[in-house]
């Protein structure tokens, strides 16, 4: 009977005798080594790390598996490299246990340095099975961990990482827009990783990203697709022309141009030109462009609205609707009767003409239409009745002399000037009355017969309502 038996592992564990348990790691019986390793797991003695690492080379797979569990339980940066190396163990059970230890334990270790080191090591060995935990790590709270995970995914080179990397890049760009701050390093790393991963192999992943709820994600995806010149990419970009976000539609159209796609004069071509806000070219694609032009009208600025109305006129649109868009169209065409027929929905269109149309005769017509709708406006005419009378005389029959005599009579009757006091009328180049010239040669604008606009500097500028000529500006 031997003098000394095997180590009493339960007793050593109860006493938390780490020294005794460490010594037991070298005992000849594999069962003892396994029990000692398992007992050391909750104790987490720093002195046990190296002996447990040495056990990863044990000839018995069960011992190596126990060592993996003990090291994983301890965690921290010292166990990263040994455990990552154990991912390549010859025994499948050891590899499975190690994968659990690395992917679930080390990649979520409380120590950010351990998480970073693990991600870096996984990238170095190009661990394909590590894609899922690395993808989770690119959303880590610590920037250095995110960077390490992104670089690891780039090194591994699997296209499953494409969509998560696009999402991370999009989130950083959103933070930059919203708060004025983001991680430029993460942005750069994600962009570089996408540069490496986005090729013909990634088209399926990119097509998946095109269905993402976030517009920023879809826009980045479209830009990445545009860098891959294949027919399949063209189909994806064409599909993106239907995206609900105008910015993405524009990016898709630009991407199609970059890969050399040529639009035809059909509905797809109309969508392409509409995405680029090329409204005239859109109209050249025929009647199928009408619905796009009408749908775009409320979402563009005043200048583009004019372009859209011109394009609709080019297509000889005859709207059946009695809505605001139809009213804008008829006002643009000078069909004031149709605006009046539309009624209240036309008020906004008429007001827009009255406020800003460069042709003052159009403003006058809009003012008349508003009056017909019981919506009279005092501006930009002080006496619209006098303006109308003067325009009717100017546009009526008779030569220039006759018209001036008629206008002078009307002005005198309306007390706009007094010929008996030696006053006379000064005329615009178009023959419209512009100023009263007093007997002392002082000129006073006939403000009741002119159109006016007020500036932000409290100055009033008067215009001839017949030919749009600026007559004078008066500070107030």
Protein backbone atom coordinates (compact mmCIF):
# COMPACT_ATOMS: atom_id res chain seq x y z
CA UNK A 1 0.00 0.00 0.00
CA UNK A 2 1.53 3.35 -1.05
CA UNK A 3 2.54 5.85 1.57
CA UNK A 4 0.76 8.77 -0.15
CA UNK A 5 -2.50 8.60 -2.15
CA UNK A 6 -3.80 10.98 -4.88
CA UNK A 7 -4.57 14.63 -3.94
CA UNK A 8 -7.90 15.10 -2.22
CA UNK A 9 -9.41 17.57 -4.64
CA UNK A 10 -12.70 18.16 -2.77
CA UNK A 11 -10.76 18.93 0.41
CA UNK A 12 -8.39 21.29 -1.41
CA UNK A 13 -11.34 22.97 -3.08
CA UNK A 14 -13.16 23.39 0.23
CA UNK A 15 -10.09 25.05 1.70
CA UNK A 16 -9.64 27.12 -1.48
CA UNK A 17 -6.08 25.83 -1.46
CA UNK A 18 -4.99 27.17 -4.86
CA UNK A 19 -1.38 26.05 -4.34
CA UNK A 20 -2.47 22.47 -3.71
CA UNK A 21 -4.82 22.51 -6.68
CA UNK A 22 -2.12 23.96 -8.95
CA UNK A 23 0.22 21.17 -7.86
CA UNK A 24 -2.52 18.62 -8.61
CA UNK A 25 -2.61 19.85 -12.23
CA UNK A 26 0.54 17.80 -12.85
CA UNK A 27 -0.67 14.60 -11.21
CA UNK A 28 -0.33 11.48 -13.39
CA UNK A 29 -4.02 10.58 -13.24
CA UNK A 30 -6.01 12.51 -15.87
CA UNK A 31 -9.14 12.45 -13.70
CA UNK A 32 -7.25 14.29 -10.97
CA UNK A 33 -5.95 16.88 -13.41
CA UNK A 34 -9.46 17.42 -14.69
CA UNK A 35 -10.90 17.80 -11.17
CA UNK A 36 -8.12 20.18 -10.17
CA UNK A 37 -8.69 22.37 -13.22
CA UNK A 38 -12.44 22.48 -12.59
CA UNK A 39 -11.85 23.34 -8.93
CA UNK A 40 -9.56 26.22 -9.86
CA UNK A 41 -12.17 27.80 -12.16
CA UNK A 42 -14.09 29.72 -9.44
CA UNK A 43 -10.99 30.54 -7.41
CA UNK A 44 -9.39 32.59 -10.23
CA UNK A 45 -5.94 32.59 -8.69
CA UNK A 46 -3.47 34.59 -10.82
CA UNK A 47 -0.85 31.91 -10.05
CA UNK A 48 -3.01 29.31 -11.78
CA UNK A 49 -2.99 30.95 -15.21
CA UNK A 50 0.32 29.60 -16.49
CA UNK A 51 -0.22 26.04 -15.16
CA UNK A 52 -3.67 25.99 -16.77
CA UNK A 53 -2.24 27.31 -20.04
CA UNK A 54 0.36 24.53 -19.93
CA UNK A 55 -2.52 22.07 -19.52
CA UNK A 56 -3.85 23.12 -22.94
CA UNK A 57 -1.02 20.95 -24.34
CA UNK A 58 -2.03 17.91 -22.26
CA UNK A 59 -2.22 14.67 -24.22
CA UNK A 60 -5.72 13.97 -22.87
CA UNK A 61 -8.52 15.91 -24.68
CA UNK A 62 -10.74 15.91 -21.58
CA UNK A 63 -7.97 17.57 -19.59
CA UNK A 64 -7.51 20.20 -22.27
CA UNK A 65 -11.28 20.81 -22.26
CA UNK A 66 -11.22 21.31 -18.48
CA UNK A 67 -8.33 23.74 -18.80
CA UNK A 68 -10.30 25.73 -21.39
CA UNK A 69 -13.23 26.00 -18.99
CA UNK A 70 -11.03 27.15 -16.10
CA UNK A 71 -9.27 29.78 -18.17
CA UNK A 72 -12.56 31.03 -19.61
CA UNK A 73 -14.02 31.35 -16.12
CA UNK A 74 -11.08 33.53 -15.12
CA UNK A 75 -11.19 35.72 -18.23
CA UNK A 76 -8.98 38.77 -18.66
CA UNK A 77 -6.28 39.63 -21.14
CA UNK A 78 -3.78 36.94 -20.03
CA UNK A 79 -5.96 34.09 -21.25
CA UNK A 80 -6.83 35.52 -24.66
CA UNK A 81 -3.93 34.27 -26.75
CA UNK A 82 -3.85 30.75 -25.27
CA UNK A 83 -7.59 30.27 -25.74
CA UNK A 84 -7.62 31.68 -29.26
CA UNK A 85 -4.77 29.30 -30.12
CA UNK A 86 -6.87 26.45 -28.71
CA UNK A 87 -9.51 27.13 -31.35
CA UNK A 88 -7.27 25.07 -33.62
CA UNK A 89 -7.03 22.08 -31.24
CA UNK A 90 -7.02 18.67 -32.92
CA UNK A 91 -10.00 17.44 -30.90
CA UNK A 92 -13.47 18.64 -32.05
CA UNK A 93 -14.87 18.67 -28.50
CA UNK A 94 -11.99 20.85 -27.32
CA UNK A 95 -12.50 23.18 -30.28
CA UNK A 96 -16.22 23.42 -29.51
CA UNK A 97 -15.56 24.21 -25.84
CA UNK A 98 -12.94 26.77 -26.82
CA UNK A 99 -15.26 28.44 -29.31
CA UNK A 100 -17.85 28.86 -26.56
CA UNK A 101 -15.18 30.22 -24.23
CA UNK A 102 -13.83 32.71 -26.75
CA UNK A 103 -16.99 33.84 -28.51
CA UNK A 104 -19.35 34.00 -25.55
CA UNK A 105 -17.00 34.69 -22.66
CA UNK A 106 -13.99 36.62 -23.87
CA UNK A 107 -15.86 38.67 -26.45
CA UNK A 108 -18.15 39.87 -23.64
CA UNK A 109 -15.46 40.12 -20.95
CA UNK A 110 -15.93 43.05 -18.54
CA UNK A 111 -12.37 44.11 -19.35
CA UNK A 112 -12.37 46.13 -22.58
CA UNK A 113 -8.71 45.28 -23.15
CA UNK A 114 -9.60 41.59 -23.13
CA UNK A 115 -12.41 42.15 -25.62
CA UNK A 116 -10.12 44.17 -27.88
CA UNK A 117 -7.32 41.59 -27.68
CA UNK A 118 -9.75 38.78 -28.47
CA UNK A 119 -11.12 40.55 -31.54
CA UNK A 120 -7.60 41.30 -32.74
CA UNK A 121 -6.48 37.70 -32.27
CA UNK A 122 -9.53 36.35 -34.10
CA UNK A 123 -8.76 38.60 -37.03
CA UNK A 124 -5.16 37.48 -37.07
CA UNK A 125 -6.07 33.79 -37.36
CA UNK A 126 -8.99 34.66 -39.68
CA UNK A 127 -11.47 32.67 -37.65
CA UNK A 128 -14.46 32.29 -39.98
CA UNK A 129 -16.62 30.95 -37.14
CA UNK A 130 -16.07 34.21 -35.25
CA UNK A 131 -18.19 36.35 -37.63
CA UNK A 132 -21.25 36.45 -35.35
CA UNK A 133 -19.50 37.57 -32.13
CA UNK A 134 -17.35 40.03 -34.06
CA UNK A 135 -20.46 41.52 -35.66
CA UNK A 136 -21.90 42.03 -32.19
CA UNK A 137 -18.62 43.58 -31.10
CA UNK A 138 -18.75 46.31 -33.76
CA UNK A 139 -21.53 47.84 -31.63
CA UNK A 140 -19.41 47.64 -28.44
CA UNK A 141 -19.49 50.61 -26.08
CA UNK A 142 -15.71 50.95 -26.31
CA UNK A 143 -14.33 52.50 -29.49
CA UNK A 144 -11.11 50.46 -29.45
CA UNK A 145 -13.13 47.23 -29.33
CA UNK A 146 -15.29 48.38 -32.24
CA UNK A 147 -12.18 49.19 -34.26
CA UNK A 148 -10.58 45.82 -33.50
CA UNK A 149 -13.77 43.96 -34.46
CA UNK A 150 -14.12 45.87 -37.73
CA UNK A 151 -10.53 45.18 -38.69
CA UNK A 152 -10.94 41.52 -37.76
CA UNK A 153 -14.00 41.23 -39.99
CA UNK A 154 -12.05 42.82 -42.83
CA UNK A 155 -9.19 40.36 -42.31
CA UNK A 156 -11.53 37.36 -42.25
CA UNK A 157 -13.07 38.58 -45.49
CA UNK A 158 -16.52 37.02 -45.25
CA UNK A 159 -19.35 38.94 -46.95
CA UNK A 160 -21.75 38.24 -44.05
CA UNK A 161 -20.12 41.24 -42.40
CA UNK A 162 -21.17 43.67 -45.15
CA UNK A 163 -24.64 44.58 -43.86
CA UNK A 164 -23.55 45.07 -40.21
CA UNK A 165 -20.62 47.23 -41.35
CA UNK A 166 -22.96 49.39 -43.43
CA UNK A 167 -25.24 49.80 -40.41
CA UNK A 168 -22.31 50.83 -38.20
CA UNK A 169 -21.12 53.35 -40.78
CA UNK A 170 -24.64 54.73 -41.16
CA UNK A 171 -25.04 55.14 -37.40
CA UNK A 172 -21.75 57.02 -37.14
CA UNK A 173 -22.81 59.35 -39.95
CA UNK A 174 -26.17 59.94 -38.25
CA UNK A 175 -24.38 60.79 -34.99
CA UNK A 176 -22.20 63.21 -36.90
CA UNK A 177 -25.22 64.94 -38.44
CA UNK A 178 -27.30 64.99 -35.26
CA UNK A 179 -24.72 65.78 -32.59
CA UNK A 180 -21.74 67.03 -34.56
CA UNK A 181 -19.55 64.29 -33.15
CA UNK A 182 -18.79 60.70 -34.02
CA UNK A 183 -15.84 58.34 -34.19
CA UNK A 184 -13.92 59.26 -37.32
CA UNK A 185 -11.66 56.27 -36.71
CA UNK A 186 -14.64 53.90 -36.73
CA UNK A 187 -16.02 55.59 -39.84
CA UNK A 188 -12.70 55.18 -41.62
CA UNK A 189 -12.26 51.57 -40.51
CA UNK A 190 -15.80 50.59 -41.55
CA UNK A 191 -15.38 52.31 -44.90
CA UNK A 192 -12.06 50.57 -45.53
CA UNK A 193 -13.56 47.21 -44.56
CA UNK A 194 -16.43 47.77 -46.99
CA UNK A 195 -13.93 48.72 -49.70
CA UNK A 196 -12.33 45.30 -49.20
CA UNK A 197 -15.56 43.29 -48.91
CA UNK A 198 -17.90 44.91 -51.43
CA UNK A 199 -17.34 43.07 -54.69
CA UNK A 200 -19.39 40.76 -56.87
CA UNK A 201 -19.60 38.21 -54.01
CA UNK A 202 -21.38 40.74 -51.80
CA UNK A 203 -24.21 41.67 -54.18
CA UNK A 204 -26.70 39.43 -52.37
CA UNK A 205 -25.83 41.02 -49.03
CA UNK A 206 -26.12 44.50 -50.52
CA UNK A 207 -29.50 43.65 -52.00
CA UNK A 208 -30.61 42.63 -48.52
CA UNK A 209 -29.41 45.95 -47.13
CA UNK A 210 -31.55 47.77 -49.71
CA UNK A 211 -34.62 46.62 -47.77
CA UNK A 212 -33.42 48.09 -44.47
CA UNK A 213 -35.80 50.47 -42.71
CA UNK A 214 -33.17 53.19 -42.24
CA UNK A 215 -32.67 55.49 -45.23
CA UNK A 216 -29.02 56.13 -44.33
CA UNK A 217 -28.31 52.41 -44.56
CA UNK A 218 -30.01 52.17 -47.95
CA UNK A 219 -28.14 55.20 -49.28
CA UNK A 220 -24.73 53.79 -48.31
CA UNK A 221 -25.76 50.49 -49.87
CA UNK A 222 -26.67 52.14 -53.15
CA UNK A 223 -23.31 53.92 -53.24
CA UNK A 224 -21.51 50.63 -52.64
CA UNK A 225 -23.51 48.86 -55.34
CA UNK A 226 -22.60 51.58 -57.83
CA UNK A 227 -18.94 50.60 -57.50
CA UNK A 228 -19.62 47.09 -58.80
CA UNK A 229 -20.12 47.15 -62.56
CA UNK A 230 -22.25 44.12 -63.38
CA UNK A 231 -25.74 43.76 -64.93
CA UNK A 232 -27.04 42.45 -61.60
CA UNK A 233 -25.98 45.70 -59.95
CA UNK A 234 -27.82 47.71 -62.58
CA UNK A 235 -31.02 45.82 -61.74
CA UNK A 236 -30.58 46.65 -58.04
CA UNK A 237 -29.95 50.32 -58.75
CA UNK A 238 -32.97 50.46 -61.03
CA UNK A 239 -35.06 49.00 -58.22
CA UNK A 240 -33.70 51.73 -55.92
CA UNK A 241 -35.18 54.35 -58.28
CA UNK A 242 -38.49 53.40 -56.60
CA UNK A 243 -37.21 54.03 -53.07
CA UNK A 244 -39.43 56.23 -50.91
CA UNK A 245 -36.47 58.48 -50.09
CA UNK A 246 -35.60 61.08 -52.74
CA UNK A 247 -31.93 61.15 -51.71
CA UNK A 248 -31.62 57.42 -52.33
CA UNK A 249 -33.36 57.71 -55.70
CA UNK A 250 -30.88 60.43 -56.66
CA UNK A 251 -27.92 58.34 -55.46
CA UNK A 252 -29.20 55.33 -57.44
CA UNK A 253 -29.52 57.42 -60.60
CA UNK A 254 -26.00 58.77 -60.17
CA UNK A 255 -24.77 55.21 -59.63
CA UNK A 256 -26.42 54.10 -62.86
CA UNK A 257 -24.67 56.93 -64.67
CA UNK A 258 -21.35 55.88 -63.16
CA UNK A 259 -21.67 52.33 -64.48
CA UNK A 260 -22.59 53.61 -67.93
CA UNK A 261 -26.31 52.80 -67.92
CA UNK A 262 -28.26 54.70 -70.60
CA UNK A 263 -31.91 55.62 -69.96
CA UNK A 264 -34.55 54.99 -72.60
CA UNK A 265 -37.59 57.22 -73.21
CA UNK A 266 -39.89 55.02 -71.15
CA UNK A 267 -41.22 54.85 -67.59
CA UNK A 268 -37.88 53.68 -66.19
CA UNK A 269 -36.14 56.51 -67.99
CA UNK A 270 -38.67 58.94 -66.54
CA UNK A 271 -37.90 57.66 -63.03
CA UNK A 272 -34.20 58.07 -63.71
CA UNK A 273 -34.52 61.71 -64.83
CA UNK A 274 -37.00 62.49 -62.05
CA UNK A 275 -34.51 61.16 -59.49
CA UNK A 276 -31.97 63.65 -60.85
CA UNK A 277 -34.57 66.46 -60.90
CA UNK A 278 -34.09 66.75 -64.66
CA UNK A 279 -37.74 67.53 -65.23
CA UNK A 280 -37.51 68.46 -68.91
CA UNK A 281 -35.71 65.21 -69.70
CA UNK A 282 -38.31 63.42 -67.61
CA UNK A 283 -41.08 64.88 -69.79
CA UNK A 284 -39.26 63.67 -72.90
CA UNK A 285 -40.05 60.12 -71.74
CA UNK A 286 -43.70 60.62 -72.58
CA UNK A 287 -47.03 60.46 -70.72
CA UNK A 288 -45.69 57.93 -68.22
CA UNK A 289 -43.76 60.84 -66.68
CA UNK A 290 -46.91 62.74 -65.70
CA UNK A 291 -47.58 60.83 -62.49
CA UNK A 292 -43.93 61.26 -61.42
CA UNK A 293 -44.01 64.98 -62.13
CA UNK A 294 -47.25 65.46 -60.22
CA UNK A 295 -46.06 63.34 -57.28
CA UNK A 296 -42.81 65.33 -57.08
CA UNK A 297 -44.44 68.76 -57.17
CA UNK A 298 -45.09 69.16 -53.44
CA UNK A 299 -41.58 68.00 -52.48
CA UNK A 300 -39.43 70.52 -54.36
CA UNK A 301 -38.58 74.20 -54.06
CA UNK A 302 -40.18 77.05 -56.01
CA UNK A 303 -37.64 76.96 -58.85
CA UNK A 304 -38.10 73.25 -59.43
CA UNK A 305 -41.86 73.65 -59.22
CA UNK A 306 -41.66 75.98 -62.19
CA UNK A 307 -39.60 73.41 -64.08
CA UNK A 308 -42.16 70.71 -63.28
CA UNK A 309 -45.03 72.91 -64.47
CA UNK A 310 -43.15 73.57 -67.70
CA UNK A 311 -42.62 69.83 -68.13
CA UNK A 312 -46.32 69.15 -67.54
CA UNK A 313 -47.14 71.83 -70.09
CA UNK A 314 -44.73 70.15 -72.50
CA UNK A 315 -46.82 66.98 -72.07
CA UNK A 316 -50.08 68.96 -72.54
CA UNK A 317 -51.36 67.70 -69.21
CA UNK A 318 -55.10 68.11 -68.69
CA UNK A 319 -55.66 67.48 -64.98
CA UNK A 320 -58.98 65.96 -64.00
CA UNK A 321 -58.34 66.74 -60.34
CA UNK A 322 -59.53 69.89 -58.64
CA UNK A 323 -56.67 70.11 -56.17
CA UNK A 324 -53.83 72.50 -55.37
CA UNK A 325 -51.40 70.96 -57.87
CA UNK A 326 -53.89 71.33 -60.68
CA UNK A 327 -54.46 74.94 -59.59
CA UNK A 328 -50.71 75.67 -59.74
CA UNK A 329 -50.64 74.19 -63.21
CA UNK A 330 -53.58 76.24 -64.49
CA UNK A 331 -52.18 79.39 -62.89
CA UNK A 332 -48.87 78.71 -64.62
CA UNK A 333 -50.73 78.38 -67.91
CA UNK A 334 -52.63 81.60 -67.23
CA UNK A 335 -55.97 79.79 -67.11
CA UNK A 336 -57.51 81.85 -64.35
CA UNK A 337 -60.98 80.58 -65.24
CA UNK A 338 -59.90 77.04 -64.38
CA UNK A 339 -58.46 78.27 -61.09
CA UNK A 340 -61.78 79.85 -60.25
CA UNK A 341 -63.55 76.60 -61.12
CA UNK A 342 -61.27 74.70 -58.70
CA UNK A 343 -62.26 77.08 -55.90
CA UNK A 344 -60.65 77.13 -52.46
CA UNK A 345 -57.81 74.67 -53.31
CA UNK A 346 -56.62 77.28 -55.82
CA UNK A 347 -56.12 80.03 -53.26
CA UNK A 348 -52.55 78.98 -52.40
CA UNK A 349 -51.52 78.87 -56.06
CA UNK A 350 -53.05 82.27 -56.72
CA UNK A 351 -51.39 83.72 -53.64
CA UNK A 352 -48.04 82.40 -54.86
CA UNK A 353 -48.50 84.19 -58.18
CA UNK A 354 -49.60 87.35 -56.42
CA UNK A 355 -46.56 87.36 -54.13
CA UNK A 356 -43.72 86.52 -56.44
CA UNK A 357 -44.50 86.21 -60.13
CA UNK A 358 -42.01 88.38 -62.07
CA UNK A 359 -44.76 89.36 -64.55
CA UNK A 360 -46.98 91.92 -62.92
CA UNK A 361 -49.83 91.34 -65.35
CA UNK A 362 -49.94 87.77 -64.03
CA UNK A 363 -50.14 89.15 -60.51
CA UNK A 364 -52.99 91.36 -61.57
CA UNK A 365 -54.86 88.41 -63.10
CA UNK A 366 -54.29 86.34 -59.95
CA UNK A 367 -55.63 89.19 -57.83
CA UNK A 368 -58.75 89.23 -60.00
CA UNK A 369 -59.22 85.48 -59.61
CA UNK A 370 -58.88 85.79 -55.84
CA UNK A 371 -61.50 88.50 -55.81
CA UNK A 372 -63.78 86.19 -57.80
CA UNK A 373 -63.26 83.60 -55.05
CA UNK A 374 -64.18 86.17 -52.38
CA UNK A 375 -60.53 86.34 -51.32
CA UNK A 376 -59.53 89.92 -52.23
CA UNK A 377 -55.99 91.04 -51.35
CA UNK A 378 -54.88 94.60 -50.63
CA UNK A 379 -51.29 93.91 -51.69
CA UNK A 380 -49.39 94.17 -53.95
CA UNK A 381 -51.80 96.74 -55.37
CA UNK A 382 -53.26 99.60 -53.37
CA UNK A 383 -56.10 100.33 -55.83
CA UNK A 384 -56.59 97.29 -58.01
CA UNK A 385 -59.66 98.92 -59.55
CA UNK A 386 -57.56 101.80 -60.88
CA UNK A 387 -54.86 99.44 -62.12
CA UNK A 388 -57.44 97.44 -64.05
CA UNK A 389 -58.95 100.56 -65.60
CA UNK A 390 -55.54 101.79 -66.69
CA UNK A 391 -54.55 98.41 -68.18
CA UNK A 392 -57.86 98.16 -70.06
CA UNK A 393 -57.32 101.59 -71.60
CA UNK A 394 -53.70 100.82 -72.47
CA UNK A 395 -54.68 97.50 -74.09
CA UNK A 396 -57.74 98.92 -75.81
CA UNK A 397 -58.27 100.38 -79.28
CA UNK A 398 -56.87 103.68 -80.41
CA UNK A 399 -53.46 105.20 -81.02
CA UNK A 400 -50.97 106.29 -78.39
CA UNK A 401 -52.29 109.85 -78.26
CA UNK A 402 -55.87 108.72 -77.75
CA UNK A 403 -54.86 106.30 -74.99
CA UNK A 404 -52.91 109.02 -73.15
CA UNK A 405 -55.86 111.38 -73.30
CA UNK A 406 -58.15 108.66 -71.95
CA UNK A 407 -55.73 107.82 -69.17
CA UNK A 408 -55.32 111.49 -68.21
CA UNK A 409 -59.07 111.89 -67.99
CA UNK A 410 -59.39 108.84 -65.79
CA UNK A 411 -56.52 109.98 -63.55
CA UNK A 412 -57.97 113.43 -63.14
CA UNK A 413 -61.38 112.01 -62.27
CA UNK A 414 -59.76 109.75 -59.67
CA UNK A 415 -57.75 112.68 -58.22
CA UNK A 416 -54.43 111.15 -59.13
CA UNK A 417 -53.22 114.41 -60.59
CA UNK A 418 -54.55 117.96 -61.06
CA UNK A 419 -53.99 119.43 -64.54
CA UNK A 420 -55.54 122.74 -63.43
CA UNK A 421 -52.69 123.11 -60.91
CA UNK A 422 -50.10 122.75 -63.64
CA UNK A 423 -49.43 119.09 -62.92
CA UNK A 424 -48.70 116.60 -65.66
CA UNK A 425 -48.27 112.83 -65.96
CA UNK A 426 -44.96 111.06 -66.57
CA UNK A 427 -45.34 107.83 -68.51
CA UNK A 428 -43.58 104.50 -68.37
CA UNK A 429 -41.86 103.40 -71.57
CA UNK A 430 -44.83 101.12 -72.23
CA UNK A 431 -47.25 104.05 -72.02
CA UNK A 432 -48.56 103.29 -68.53
CA UNK A 433 -48.93 106.24 -66.09
CA UNK A 434 -46.03 106.21 -63.64
CA UNK A 435 -45.60 109.57 -61.85
CA UNK A 436 -47.26 112.87 -61.19
CA UNK A 437 -44.99 115.82 -62.01
CA UNK A 438 -45.97 118.82 -59.91
CA UNK A 439 -45.73 122.42 -61.05
CA UNK A 440 -42.46 122.74 -59.12
CA UNK A 441 -41.06 119.83 -61.19
CA UNK A 442 -41.08 117.42 -58.21
CA UNK A 443 -41.97 113.86 -59.25
CA UNK A 444 -44.25 111.74 -57.11
CA UNK A 445 -44.97 108.10 -58.05
CA UNK A 446 -48.60 107.27 -58.72
CA UNK A 447 -48.55 104.65 -55.99
CA UNK A 448 -52.27 103.87 -56.35
CA UNK A 449 -51.62 102.64 -59.89
CA UNK A 450 -48.35 100.78 -59.33
CA UNK A 451 -47.55 97.42 -57.89
CA UNK A 452 -45.34 97.36 -54.81
CA UNK A 453 -43.09 95.08 -52.82
CA UNK A 454 -41.67 95.65 -49.37
CA UNK A 455 -38.17 94.50 -48.46
CA UNK A 456 -36.78 93.30 -45.15
CA UNK A 457 -35.11 96.73 -44.78
CA UNK A 458 -38.50 98.47 -44.72
CA UNK A 459 -38.07 99.87 -48.21
CA UNK A 460 -40.97 99.86 -50.70
CA UNK A 461 -40.24 99.31 -54.38
CA UNK A 462 -42.86 100.27 -56.97
CA UNK A 463 -43.25 98.53 -60.33
CA UNK A 464 -45.14 99.21 -63.51
CA UNK A 465 -47.91 96.56 -63.59
CA UNK A 466 -47.94 96.64 -67.39
CA UNK A 467 -44.30 95.97 -68.29
CA UNK A 468 -42.66 95.04 -64.94
CA UNK A 469 -40.28 98.02 -64.96
CA UNK A 470 -39.05 99.11 -61.54
CA UNK A 471 -40.17 102.69 -61.10
CA UNK A 472 -38.77 103.74 -57.75
CA UNK A 473 -37.75 102.57 -54.26
CA UNK A 474 -38.82 104.52 -51.22
CA UNK A 475 -37.41 104.07 -47.72
CA UNK A 476 -40.02 103.94 -44.98
